[in-house]
Amino acid sequence: MKKAVLRTDKYFKIDRVDERIYGSFLEHMGRAVYEGVYQPECKFADEDGTRTDVAELVKEMGVTTVRYPGGNIVSAYNWEDGVGPKELRPVRLEAAWQNLEDNSFGTNEFMDWAKKTNIAPMMAVNLGTRGVDAARNLLEYCNFPAGTYYADMRVSHGYEKPHNVKLWCLGNEMDGPWQIGHRNAHEYGTLAAQTAKVMKDIDPSIELVACGSAGLKLPTFGSWDATVADRCFRYIDYLSMHTYYNNRNFTLDDTRDFLGHALTFDDQIHSVIAACDYASAINKSKKRINLSIDEWNVVYRPHGKVPADARWTKAPHQIEDTYNLEDALLVGTMFLTMLNHADRVKVACLAQLVNVIAPIMTSDTAAWRQTIFYPFKHCSVYGRGTALQSVVECEKYDSKHYTDIPYLATSVIYNEEEGQIAIFAVNRDLDEDCSMEADLRQFKDYHIDRHIVLNHEDIKAVNTEAEPNNVVEEIKNSNSKFEDGHLTSVLEKHSWNVIVLKK
């Protein structure tokens, strides 16, 4: 059995965790909306046509924020198509994902669903085919009281009170060549700044997210972020960051390398922070732009590819990945990386929420949890409070693309108000358990509340509709001991762990 030492201190604080990092993403893509959250003909549907079984799982996950309506779709989306009487809403060709969009679920349906699931909406505006005018009109529709054209339109649609959306995205992935309305950094930065100015003139209480580069592998990564942060510096609060990983070869030999991707994730966060701070420097300002990692996950299927016989249909089965245990371990490790950057990562959205590269899957007769559901749930439930600096001394390994990968990844969250400390840990070792020790004498009047483990003898194990509980969380309190302020925990090989101590 390998050994490790965790060192932390309750006075060495990173920052308070912004609960919006426990966000997700809902796009009109595949079966995410239709047959995901909204399916009027389903036996689980409520009076509004939204699925109650999915809503309960969303609440169980602890999702705090959902980004909507995209994603790539937003770059050609006309928000007016999705409001008002449903029988008058047009059917559109949705070019980003080659779907048919009948607009039966739109802005107001999303707001109703958000209230039912206790989430805060994060709206995106179209800066692909549209711009300042459409953005300000949508903001007026959502946030302004009655007495103006678009506010009165909302009232006529049955919503007297404003929706009061506080977080807005200025477009999506605009440096991606695939994006409808793709622009260079100067063009996008100028348009985003103009749009942001008008939106904040209308509602100074909102926060705005400008598009950072769509990915680390794009040639524009870095320079795009610096240019956009500079152009929009006066008006924006966050710069977005997107990232996806996979283990495409599906062989055990690549698992060790796959679990090292969190190192690249950490490097990407540092790079985007540097671009934001560059903008602060050249603008001679103490203002700090923070990060909104509003798309992140593991994804396998060819990105956006729709079978020929499914093109231009409503809600085709599209990018419906089935996740295994190793995917959950990487998702968990990425959460720990964000928690350890709590001073700058303030918003994050796991992409997506239902059916499409998602923690929740549905059929006409059931909804079930994928493996990645559990790290999200545990972080949201136990990861509220202040992130503490922590250092782990453990053995490291090398893989195909990485060197010096620590076998253990950890994050420590201290909730002083609740008298709770949570230690999150991933053991990347595929062959051996690890004995982790920690000196926690500052918390000697605490006790072990629970040690949660997500594991399976087969690291490729998955949950399906037929076997929804194949990979599930387990309480294994015998894996941890806490005596006189000294913690000793056994972290099983290839496992996700949450050790909760309470006062």
Protein backbone atom coordinates (compact mmCIF):
# COMPACT_ATOMS: atom_id res chain seq x y z
CA MET A 1 0.00 0.00 0.00
CA LYS A 2 1.33 3.43 -0.97
CA LYS A 3 1.51 6.22 1.60
CA ALA A 4 0.72 9.92 1.37
CA VAL A 5 0.67 12.93 3.66
CA LEU A 6 -1.86 15.77 3.37
CA ARG A 7 -0.94 19.13 4.87
CA THR A 8 -3.41 21.98 5.28
CA ASP A 9 -4.12 24.90 7.61
CA LYS A 10 -7.43 26.62 8.32
CA TYR A 11 -5.76 30.05 8.16
CA PHE A 12 -4.21 29.46 4.71
CA LYS A 13 -7.28 30.33 2.70
CA ILE A 14 -7.57 30.38 -1.09
CA ASP A 15 -11.01 32.01 -1.16
CA ARG A 16 -14.63 31.33 -0.46
CA VAL A 17 -16.09 28.93 -3.03
CA ASP A 18 -18.57 30.62 -5.34
CA GLU A 19 -21.53 28.24 -5.41
CA ARG A 20 -22.05 28.99 -9.10
CA ILE A 21 -19.18 26.62 -9.95
CA TYR A 22 -21.78 23.89 -9.39
CA GLY A 23 -23.51 24.90 -12.60
CA SER A 24 -24.52 23.03 -15.72
CA PHE A 25 -25.50 23.72 -19.30
CA LEU A 26 -28.66 23.14 -21.31
CA GLU A 27 -28.60 23.59 -25.07
CA HIS A 28 -31.19 22.93 -27.76
CA MET A 29 -29.10 20.03 -29.02
CA GLY A 30 -30.12 16.41 -29.47
CA ARG A 31 -32.34 15.29 -26.59
CA ALA A 32 -31.06 17.72 -23.97
CA VAL A 33 -34.20 19.87 -23.91
CA TYR A 34 -36.76 17.78 -25.78
CA GLU A 35 -37.10 14.35 -24.12
CA GLY A 36 -34.63 15.60 -21.50
CA VAL A 37 -36.15 18.32 -19.33
CA TYR A 38 -39.26 18.80 -21.47
CA GLN A 39 -41.50 15.95 -22.69
CA PRO A 40 -45.22 16.73 -22.37
CA GLU A 41 -46.31 13.26 -23.50
CA CYS A 42 -44.14 11.49 -20.91
CA LYS A 43 -45.80 9.90 -17.87
CA PHE A 44 -43.47 11.92 -15.63
CA ALA A 45 -44.49 15.27 -17.14
CA ASP A 46 -46.07 17.94 -14.96
CA GLU A 47 -48.71 20.46 -16.03
CA ASP A 48 -46.04 22.45 -17.92
CA GLY A 49 -44.66 19.42 -19.78
CA THR A 50 -41.38 19.29 -17.82
CA ARG A 51 -40.20 15.96 -16.46
CA THR A 52 -40.50 15.69 -12.69
CA ASP A 53 -38.12 12.72 -12.49
CA VAL A 54 -35.37 14.77 -14.15
CA ALA A 55 -36.12 17.77 -11.95
CA GLU A 56 -35.66 15.65 -8.82
CA LEU A 57 -32.29 14.39 -10.04
CA VAL A 58 -31.21 17.96 -10.87
CA LYS A 59 -32.06 18.99 -7.32
CA GLU A 60 -30.27 15.93 -5.91
CA MET A 61 -27.15 16.91 -7.87
CA GLY A 62 -27.24 20.34 -6.29
CA VAL A 63 -27.07 22.24 -9.58
CA THR A 64 -26.99 25.97 -8.80
CA THR A 65 -26.82 27.62 -12.24
CA VAL A 66 -27.72 26.58 -15.78
CA ARG A 67 -26.46 28.24 -18.95
CA TYR A 68 -29.08 28.54 -21.71
CA PRO A 69 -29.92 28.31 -24.66
CA GLY A 70 -26.41 27.49 -25.88
CA GLY A 71 -23.80 26.79 -26.95
CA ASN A 72 -23.40 26.82 -30.68
CA ILE A 73 -27.14 27.19 -31.22
CA VAL A 74 -27.15 30.68 -29.72
CA SER A 75 -25.10 32.12 -32.59
CA ALA A 76 -28.12 31.91 -34.90
CA TYR A 77 -30.91 31.86 -32.33
CA ASN A 78 -33.79 34.32 -32.50
CA TRP A 79 -35.09 34.57 -28.96
CA GLU A 80 -38.42 35.98 -30.18
CA ASP A 81 -39.19 32.59 -31.79
CA GLY A 82 -39.41 30.97 -28.35
CA VAL A 83 -41.87 33.26 -26.59
CA GLY A 84 -45.60 33.86 -26.89
CA PRO A 85 -48.37 31.42 -27.85
CA LYS A 86 -46.86 28.08 -28.83
CA GLU A 87 -49.16 27.62 -31.78
CA LEU A 88 -47.66 30.76 -33.34
CA ARG A 89 -44.02 29.83 -32.83
CA PRO A 90 -42.09 29.01 -36.01
CA VAL A 91 -40.26 25.78 -36.82
CA ARG A 92 -36.66 26.61 -37.75
CA LEU A 93 -33.71 24.81 -39.31
CA GLU A 94 -31.18 24.79 -36.47
CA ALA A 95 -27.96 24.93 -38.47
CA ALA A 96 -25.42 24.42 -35.69
CA TRP A 97 -26.54 20.85 -34.92
CA GLN A 98 -28.69 20.08 -37.99
CA ASN A 99 -31.83 19.70 -35.88
CA LEU A 100 -35.39 20.87 -36.44
CA GLU A 101 -36.30 23.41 -33.76
CA ASP A 102 -40.02 23.93 -33.13
CA ASN A 103 -39.43 26.43 -30.29
CA SER A 104 -42.04 24.82 -28.05
CA PHE A 105 -39.57 25.32 -25.19
CA GLY A 106 -38.15 28.83 -24.92
CA THR A 107 -37.18 31.61 -22.54
CA ASN A 108 -40.26 31.58 -20.30
CA GLU A 109 -40.45 27.78 -20.15
CA PHE A 110 -36.79 27.78 -19.11
CA MET A 111 -37.46 30.36 -16.39
CA ASP A 112 -40.38 28.32 -15.05
CA TRP A 113 -38.21 25.20 -15.01
CA ALA A 114 -35.39 27.10 -13.27
CA LYS A 115 -37.73 28.04 -10.43
CA LYS A 116 -38.90 24.44 -10.03
CA THR A 117 -35.33 23.16 -9.82
CA ASN A 118 -33.97 25.99 -7.64
CA ILE A 119 -31.36 27.08 -10.15
CA ALA A 120 -30.25 30.56 -11.23
CA PRO A 121 -30.51 31.16 -15.00
CA MET A 122 -27.41 32.10 -16.98
CA MET A 123 -28.61 33.46 -20.32
CA ALA A 124 -26.62 33.79 -23.53
CA VAL A 125 -27.20 36.37 -26.27
CA ASN A 126 -26.65 35.92 -30.01
CA LEU A 127 -23.52 37.71 -31.20
CA GLY A 128 -23.20 35.53 -34.30
CA THR A 129 -25.99 36.58 -36.65
CA ARG A 130 -27.29 39.37 -34.40
CA GLY A 131 -25.82 41.88 -31.96
CA VAL A 132 -26.48 44.86 -29.71
CA ASP A 133 -30.12 45.40 -30.60
CA ALA A 134 -31.34 41.82 -30.05
CA ALA A 135 -29.32 41.56 -26.82
CA ARG A 136 -30.74 44.72 -25.29
CA ASN A 137 -34.27 43.72 -26.30
CA LEU A 138 -33.95 40.31 -24.65
CA LEU A 139 -32.55 41.93 -21.51
CA GLU A 140 -35.50 44.34 -21.44
CA TYR A 141 -37.90 41.42 -21.95
CA CYS A 142 -36.35 39.47 -19.06
CA ASN A 143 -35.45 42.12 -16.50
CA PHE A 144 -37.43 45.32 -16.94
CA PRO A 145 -40.73 46.03 -15.16
CA ALA A 146 -43.84 46.76 -17.19
CA GLY A 147 -44.20 49.98 -19.14
CA THR A 148 -41.86 49.42 -22.11
CA TYR A 149 -42.36 47.57 -25.38
CA TYR A 150 -40.52 44.32 -24.60
CA ALA A 151 -41.40 44.31 -20.90
CA ASP A 152 -45.05 44.68 -21.86
CA MET A 153 -44.58 41.85 -24.36
CA ARG A 154 -43.46 39.62 -21.48
CA VAL A 155 -46.49 40.69 -19.46
CA SER A 156 -48.76 39.85 -22.39
CA HIS A 157 -47.20 36.39 -22.40
CA GLY A 158 -48.33 35.84 -18.81
CA TYR A 159 -45.28 36.97 -16.82
CA GLU A 160 -46.05 40.15 -14.95
CA LYS A 161 -42.90 40.10 -12.82
CA PRO A 162 -39.44 40.35 -14.41
CA HIS A 163 -37.25 37.25 -14.48
CA ASN A 164 -34.31 39.25 -13.09
CA VAL A 165 -31.55 37.28 -14.80
CA LYS A 166 -28.25 38.41 -13.28
CA LEU A 167 -25.66 36.48 -15.32
CA TRP A 168 -25.31 36.85 -19.10
CA CYS A 169 -22.96 35.40 -21.74
CA LEU A 170 -21.92 37.59 -24.66
CA GLY A 171 -22.13 34.95 -27.37
CA ASN A 172 -20.40 31.58 -27.54
CA GLU A 173 -16.99 30.27 -28.75
CA MET A 174 -16.59 33.07 -31.26
CA ASP A 175 -12.99 32.17 -32.17
CA GLY A 176 -14.10 28.67 -33.24
CA PRO A 177 -14.13 28.35 -37.06
CA TRP A 178 -17.23 26.17 -36.68
CA GLN A 179 -19.18 29.01 -35.06
CA ILE A 180 -21.96 30.71 -37.02
CA GLY A 181 -20.84 34.33 -37.30
CA HIS A 182 -17.24 33.47 -36.42
CA ARG A 183 -15.10 36.60 -35.97
CA ASN A 184 -11.53 37.50 -35.17
CA ALA A 185 -10.62 38.76 -31.71
CA HIS A 186 -10.73 42.46 -32.60
CA GLU A 187 -14.13 42.18 -34.31
CA TYR A 188 -15.67 40.13 -31.53
CA GLY A 189 -14.08 42.19 -28.77
CA THR A 190 -15.49 45.39 -30.24
CA LEU A 191 -18.99 43.93 -30.69
CA ALA A 192 -18.97 42.36 -27.22
CA ALA A 193 -17.88 45.65 -25.61
CA GLN A 194 -20.60 47.59 -27.44
CA THR A 195 -23.21 45.04 -26.41
CA ALA A 196 -21.96 44.93 -22.82
CA LYS A 197 -22.10 48.72 -22.51
CA VAL A 198 -25.74 48.91 -23.57
CA MET A 199 -26.76 45.93 -21.41
CA LYS A 200 -25.15 47.43 -18.30
CA ASP A 201 -26.68 50.82 -19.10
CA ILE A 202 -30.09 49.13 -19.01
CA ASP A 203 -29.39 47.01 -15.92
CA PRO A 204 -26.22 47.86 -13.97
CA SER A 205 -26.84 44.96 -11.58
CA ILE A 206 -26.06 42.24 -14.14
CA GLU A 207 -22.74 40.43 -14.58
CA LEU A 208 -21.33 39.69 -18.03
CA VAL A 209 -19.18 36.88 -19.44
CA ALA A 210 -17.15 37.53 -22.60
CA CYS A 211 -16.04 34.65 -24.82
CA GLY A 212 -12.56 33.46 -24.11
CA SER A 213 -10.93 31.12 -26.59
CA ALA A 214 -12.98 28.00 -27.32
CA GLY A 215 -10.09 25.65 -26.62
CA LEU A 216 -6.47 25.13 -25.73
CA LYS A 217 -5.66 23.56 -29.11
CA LEU A 218 -6.92 26.49 -31.20
CA PRO A 219 -4.15 28.67 -32.69
CA THR A 220 -5.94 31.71 -31.27
CA PHE A 221 -5.74 30.48 -27.66
CA GLY A 222 -3.99 33.02 -25.47
CA SER A 223 -3.81 35.90 -27.89
CA TRP A 224 -7.60 35.84 -28.29
CA ASP A 225 -8.12 35.87 -24.52
CA ALA A 226 -5.74 38.81 -24.03
CA THR A 227 -7.30 40.86 -26.84
CA VAL A 228 -10.90 40.26 -25.80
CA ALA A 229 -10.16 40.90 -22.12
CA ASP A 230 -8.56 44.19 -23.09
CA ARG A 231 -11.31 45.29 -25.51
CA CYS A 232 -14.10 44.43 -23.04
CA PHE A 233 -12.22 45.26 -19.84
CA ARG A 234 -14.40 48.14 -18.73
CA TYR A 235 -17.66 46.21 -18.90
CA ILE A 236 -17.13 42.50 -18.31
CA ASP A 237 -16.83 40.53 -15.09
CA TYR A 238 -15.73 37.14 -16.42
CA LEU A 239 -13.90 35.58 -19.34
CA SER A 240 -15.13 32.15 -20.41
CA MET A 241 -12.97 29.05 -20.71
CA HIS A 242 -14.02 25.78 -22.39
CA THR A 243 -12.35 22.39 -22.25
CA TYR A 244 -13.16 18.74 -22.99
CA TYR A 245 -11.13 15.55 -22.61
CA ASN A 246 -11.49 11.90 -23.56
CA ASN A 247 -9.79 8.52 -23.56
CA ARG A 248 -10.55 7.70 -27.18
CA ASN A 249 -8.64 4.43 -27.40
CA PHE A 250 -10.81 2.84 -24.74
CA THR A 251 -7.92 0.69 -23.51
CA LEU A 252 -6.72 0.24 -19.96
CA ASP A 253 -3.21 1.22 -21.07
CA ASP A 254 -4.38 4.79 -21.67
CA THR A 255 -6.21 5.24 -18.37
CA ARG A 256 -3.06 6.39 -16.60
CA ASP A 257 -2.56 9.06 -19.24
CA PHE A 258 -6.25 10.00 -19.30
CA LEU A 259 -6.31 10.64 -15.56
CA GLY A 260 -3.43 13.08 -16.02
CA HIS A 261 -5.51 15.49 -18.10
CA ALA A 262 -6.29 17.53 -14.98
CA LEU A 263 -2.70 18.80 -15.18
CA THR A 264 -3.46 20.36 -18.58
CA PHE A 265 -6.69 21.74 -17.14
CA ASP A 266 -4.70 23.43 -14.38
CA ASP A 267 -2.25 24.88 -16.92
CA GLN A 268 -5.12 26.23 -19.02
CA ILE A 269 -6.64 27.97 -15.99
CA HIS A 270 -3.29 29.61 -15.23
CA SER A 271 -3.00 30.80 -18.84
CA VAL A 272 -6.46 32.39 -18.94
CA ILE A 273 -5.88 34.07 -15.58
CA ALA A 274 -2.64 35.48 -17.00
CA ALA A 275 -4.52 36.93 -19.99
CA CYS A 276 -7.06 38.54 -17.66
CA ASP A 277 -4.33 40.03 -15.49
CA TYR A 278 -2.53 41.31 -18.59
CA ALA A 279 -5.70 43.26 -19.38
CA SER A 280 -5.70 44.66 -15.85
CA ALA A 281 -2.10 45.75 -16.24
CA ILE A 282 -2.45 47.52 -19.57
CA ASN A 283 -5.65 49.19 -18.39
CA LYS A 284 -3.77 50.32 -15.25
CA SER A 285 -6.58 48.98 -13.08
CA LYS A 286 -6.93 47.00 -9.88
CA LYS A 287 -10.04 45.36 -11.31
CA ARG A 288 -9.71 41.60 -11.76
CA ILE A 289 -11.60 39.68 -14.43
CA ASN A 290 -12.43 36.21 -13.13
CA LEU A 291 -13.10 32.94 -14.96
CA SER A 292 -16.34 31.33 -16.06
CA ILE A 293 -15.53 27.76 -17.10
CA ASP A 294 -18.96 27.46 -18.64
CA GLU A 295 -18.30 24.34 -20.74
CA TRP A 296 -16.28 21.42 -19.41
CA ASN A 297 -16.61 17.66 -19.38
CA VAL A 298 -15.48 14.39 -20.90
CA VAL A 299 -16.77 13.84 -24.45
CA TYR A 300 -16.22 10.92 -26.85
CA ARG A 301 -18.53 10.95 -29.84
CA PRO A 302 -17.50 12.85 -32.98
CA HIS A 303 -18.30 16.40 -31.99
CA GLY A 304 -21.73 17.37 -33.29
CA LYS A 305 -21.89 14.61 -35.87
CA VAL A 306 -25.47 13.63 -36.72
CA PRO A 307 -26.21 10.44 -38.67
CA ALA A 308 -27.46 11.26 -42.16
CA ASP A 309 -30.89 9.74 -41.53
CA ALA A 310 -31.32 11.86 -38.38
CA ARG A 311 -30.50 15.25 -39.88
CA TRP A 312 -33.28 17.83 -39.76
CA THR A 313 -35.32 15.88 -37.26
CA LYS A 314 -36.41 17.01 -33.82
CA ALA A 315 -34.30 15.81 -30.89
CA PRO A 316 -32.15 13.14 -32.57
CA HIS A 317 -29.97 10.92 -30.39
CA GLN A 318 -26.81 13.02 -30.55
CA ILE A 319 -23.58 12.79 -28.52
CA GLU A 320 -25.19 10.58 -25.88
CA ASP A 321 -22.01 9.35 -24.25
CA THR A 322 -22.10 6.59 -21.66
CA TYR A 323 -19.66 7.39 -18.86
CA ASN A 324 -17.61 4.88 -16.89
CA LEU A 325 -15.76 5.04 -13.58
CA GLU A 326 -12.56 6.50 -15.03
CA ASP A 327 -14.59 9.34 -16.54
CA ALA A 328 -16.03 10.05 -13.09
CA LEU A 329 -12.52 10.13 -11.64
CA LEU A 330 -11.40 12.72 -14.19
CA VAL A 331 -14.54 14.82 -13.69
CA GLY A 332 -13.93 14.68 -9.95
CA THR A 333 -10.28 15.68 -10.37
CA MET A 334 -11.30 18.61 -12.57
CA PHE A 335 -13.69 19.75 -9.83
CA LEU A 336 -10.81 19.64 -7.35
CA THR A 337 -8.71 21.74 -9.71
CA MET A 338 -11.42 24.40 -9.87
CA LEU A 339 -11.88 24.37 -6.10
CA ASN A 340 -8.15 24.91 -5.70
CA HIS A 341 -8.54 28.02 -7.90
CA ALA A 342 -11.53 29.35 -5.95
CA ASP A 343 -9.98 32.82 -5.92
CA ARG A 344 -10.45 33.18 -9.69
CA VAL A 345 -12.84 30.45 -10.90
CA LYS A 346 -16.25 31.81 -9.95
CA VAL A 347 -18.64 30.14 -12.43
CA ALA A 348 -18.52 26.71 -14.05
CA CYS A 349 -21.01 24.72 -16.12
CA LEU A 350 -20.67 20.99 -16.68
CA ALA A 351 -21.73 20.46 -20.29
CA GLN A 352 -24.40 19.29 -20.53
CA LEU A 353 -27.14 18.41 -18.04
CA VAL A 354 -29.41 15.79 -19.62
CA ASN A 355 -28.82 13.14 -22.33
CA VAL A 356 -26.18 15.05 -24.31
CA ILE A 357 -22.75 14.34 -22.73
CA ALA A 358 -24.63 14.42 -19.46
CA PRO A 359 -24.75 13.14 -15.87
CA ILE A 360 -28.48 12.39 -16.26
CA MET A 361 -29.95 10.12 -18.95
CA THR A 362 -33.57 9.49 -19.85
CA SER A 363 -35.81 7.17 -21.77
CA ASP A 364 -39.57 7.45 -22.15
CA THR A 365 -39.96 5.38 -19.00
CA ALA A 366 -36.99 6.22 -16.76
CA ALA A 367 -34.22 8.62 -15.76
CA TRP A 368 -30.92 7.47 -14.26
CA ARG A 369 -27.60 8.73 -12.92
CA GLN A 370 -24.41 8.32 -14.90
CA THR A 371 -21.13 7.83 -13.03
CA ILE A 372 -20.17 11.51 -13.37
CA PHE A 373 -23.34 12.44 -11.47
CA TYR A 374 -21.73 11.50 -8.16
CA PRO A 375 -18.61 13.72 -8.01
CA PHE A 376 -20.80 16.68 -9.02
CA LYS A 377 -23.34 15.89 -6.31
CA HIS A 378 -20.69 15.41 -3.63
CA CYS A 379 -18.84 18.62 -4.47
CA SER A 380 -22.04 20.65 -4.48
CA VAL A 381 -23.30 19.17 -1.21
CA TYR A 382 -20.02 19.21 0.71
CA GLY A 383 -17.96 21.79 -1.20
CA ARG A 384 -19.62 24.91 0.21
CA GLY A 385 -17.34 27.12 2.27
CA THR A 386 -13.72 28.25 1.97
CA ALA A 387 -11.10 26.41 -0.06
CA LEU A 388 -7.93 25.88 1.94
CA GLN A 389 -4.43 25.57 0.56
CA SER A 390 -3.35 21.96 0.75
CA VAL A 391 -0.19 20.09 -0.16
CA VAL A 392 0.04 16.35 -0.72
CA GLU A 393 3.27 14.44 -0.45
CA CYS A 394 2.88 11.25 -2.46
CA GLU A 395 4.51 9.19 -5.17
CA LYS A 396 4.18 10.26 -8.79
CA TYR A 397 4.12 8.49 -12.14
CA ASP A 398 4.79 9.21 -15.80
CA SER A 399 2.51 8.46 -18.75
CA LYS A 400 2.44 8.92 -22.50
CA HIS A 401 1.93 12.70 -22.44
CA TYR A 402 2.67 13.65 -18.82
CA THR A 403 5.40 13.42 -16.25
CA ASP A 404 5.21 13.69 -12.48
CA ILE A 405 1.51 12.97 -12.11
CA PRO A 406 0.73 12.74 -8.37
CA TYR A 407 -1.15 9.57 -7.55
CA LEU A 408 -3.39 11.65 -5.29
CA ALA A 409 -5.38 14.77 -6.15
CA THR A 410 -7.00 16.60 -3.25
CA SER A 411 -8.98 19.65 -2.23
CA VAL A 412 -9.99 20.77 1.26
CA ILE A 413 -13.10 22.87 1.95
CA TYR A 414 -13.69 24.41 5.38
CA ASN A 415 -17.20 25.51 6.29
CA GLU A 416 -16.74 27.34 9.58
CA GLU A 417 -20.40 28.33 9.87
CA GLU A 418 -21.54 24.71 9.61
CA GLY A 419 -18.63 23.32 11.64
CA GLN A 420 -17.58 21.07 8.78
CA ILE A 421 -14.44 20.21 6.85
CA ALA A 422 -14.55 18.15 3.65
CA ILE A 423 -11.52 16.47 2.14
CA PHE A 424 -11.98 15.42 -1.48
CA ALA A 425 -9.45 12.94 -2.84
CA VAL A 426 -8.92 10.94 -6.02
CA ASN A 427 -6.54 7.99 -5.99
CA ARG A 428 -5.27 7.68 -9.57
CA ASP A 429 -3.34 4.49 -8.79
CA LEU A 430 -4.84 1.61 -10.76
CA ASP A 431 -3.13 -1.11 -8.72
CA GLU A 432 -2.74 -0.09 -5.08
CA ASP A 433 -4.70 1.45 -2.26
CA CYS A 434 -3.15 4.44 -0.54
CA SER A 435 -2.89 5.26 3.15
CA MET A 436 -3.27 9.03 3.53
CA GLU A 437 -2.40 10.76 6.79
CA ALA A 438 -3.24 14.33 7.79
CA ASP A 439 -2.43 16.41 10.85
CA LEU A 440 -5.73 18.13 11.64
CA ARG A 441 -5.12 19.17 15.24
CA GLN A 442 -6.81 22.50 14.46
CA PHE A 443 -9.99 20.43 14.14
CA LYS A 444 -9.39 18.04 17.04
CA ASP A 445 -12.90 18.62 18.40
CA TYR A 446 -14.33 17.28 15.13
CA HIS A 447 -15.34 13.70 14.32
CA ILE A 448 -15.75 11.67 11.14
CA ASP A 449 -19.27 12.10 9.84
CA ARG A 450 -18.82 9.98 6.74
CA HIS A 451 -16.32 8.67 4.22
CA ILE A 452 -18.03 8.41 0.82
CA VAL A 453 -16.43 6.25 -1.86
CA LEU A 454 -17.23 5.90 -5.55
CA ASN A 455 -15.51 2.83 -6.94
CA HIS A 456 -15.94 -0.45 -8.81
CA GLU A 457 -13.66 -3.39 -9.43
CA ASP A 458 -13.89 -2.59 -13.17
CA ILE A 459 -12.72 0.94 -13.98
CA LYS A 460 -14.68 0.71 -17.25
CA ALA A 461 -17.95 -0.03 -15.41
CA VAL A 462 -20.98 2.07 -16.41
CA ASN A 463 -24.57 2.70 -15.37
CA THR A 464 -27.34 1.97 -17.85
CA GLU A 465 -31.11 1.96 -17.86
CA ALA A 466 -31.00 -1.80 -17.28
CA GLU A 467 -28.35 -1.46 -14.52
CA PRO A 468 -28.69 2.07 -13.12
CA ASN A 469 -26.94 1.19 -9.84
CA ASN A 470 -23.89 -0.61 -11.15
CA VAL A 471 -21.55 2.20 -10.04
CA VAL A 472 -22.89 4.01 -6.98
CA GLU A 473 -21.72 5.94 -3.96
CA GLU A 474 -21.06 3.98 -0.78
CA ILE A 475 -20.50 5.04 2.82
CA LYS A 476 -17.32 3.34 4.05
CA ASN A 477 -16.60 4.99 7.38
CA SER A 478 -14.27 2.14 8.32
CA ASN A 479 -11.85 3.51 5.68
CA SER A 480 -11.05 6.49 7.91
CA LYS A 481 -9.99 7.01 11.52
CA PHE A 482 -9.70 10.31 13.38
CA GLU A 483 -8.06 10.36 16.79
CA ASP A 484 -6.54 13.32 18.67
CA GLY A 485 -6.57 15.46 15.54
CA HIS A 486 -4.81 12.85 13.42
CA LEU A 487 -6.60 11.53 10.32
CA THR A 488 -5.70 8.25 8.64
CA SER A 489 -7.67 7.21 5.56
CA VAL A 490 -7.43 4.30 3.18
CA LEU A 491 -8.12 5.50 -0.35
CA GLU A 492 -8.95 2.53 -2.50
CA LYS A 493 -7.26 2.09 -5.86
CA HIS A 494 -8.91 4.08 -8.69
CA SER A 495 -11.43 5.71 -6.35
CA TRP A 496 -13.20 9.00 -5.64
CA ASN A 497 -13.40 9.86 -1.94
CA VAL A 498 -15.15 12.45 0.23
CA ILE A 499 -14.14 12.51 3.90
CA VAL A 500 -16.46 14.73 5.94
CA LEU A 501 -15.58 15.81 9.47
CA LYS A 502 -18.05 17.68 11.67
CA LYS A 503 -17.70 19.60 14.91
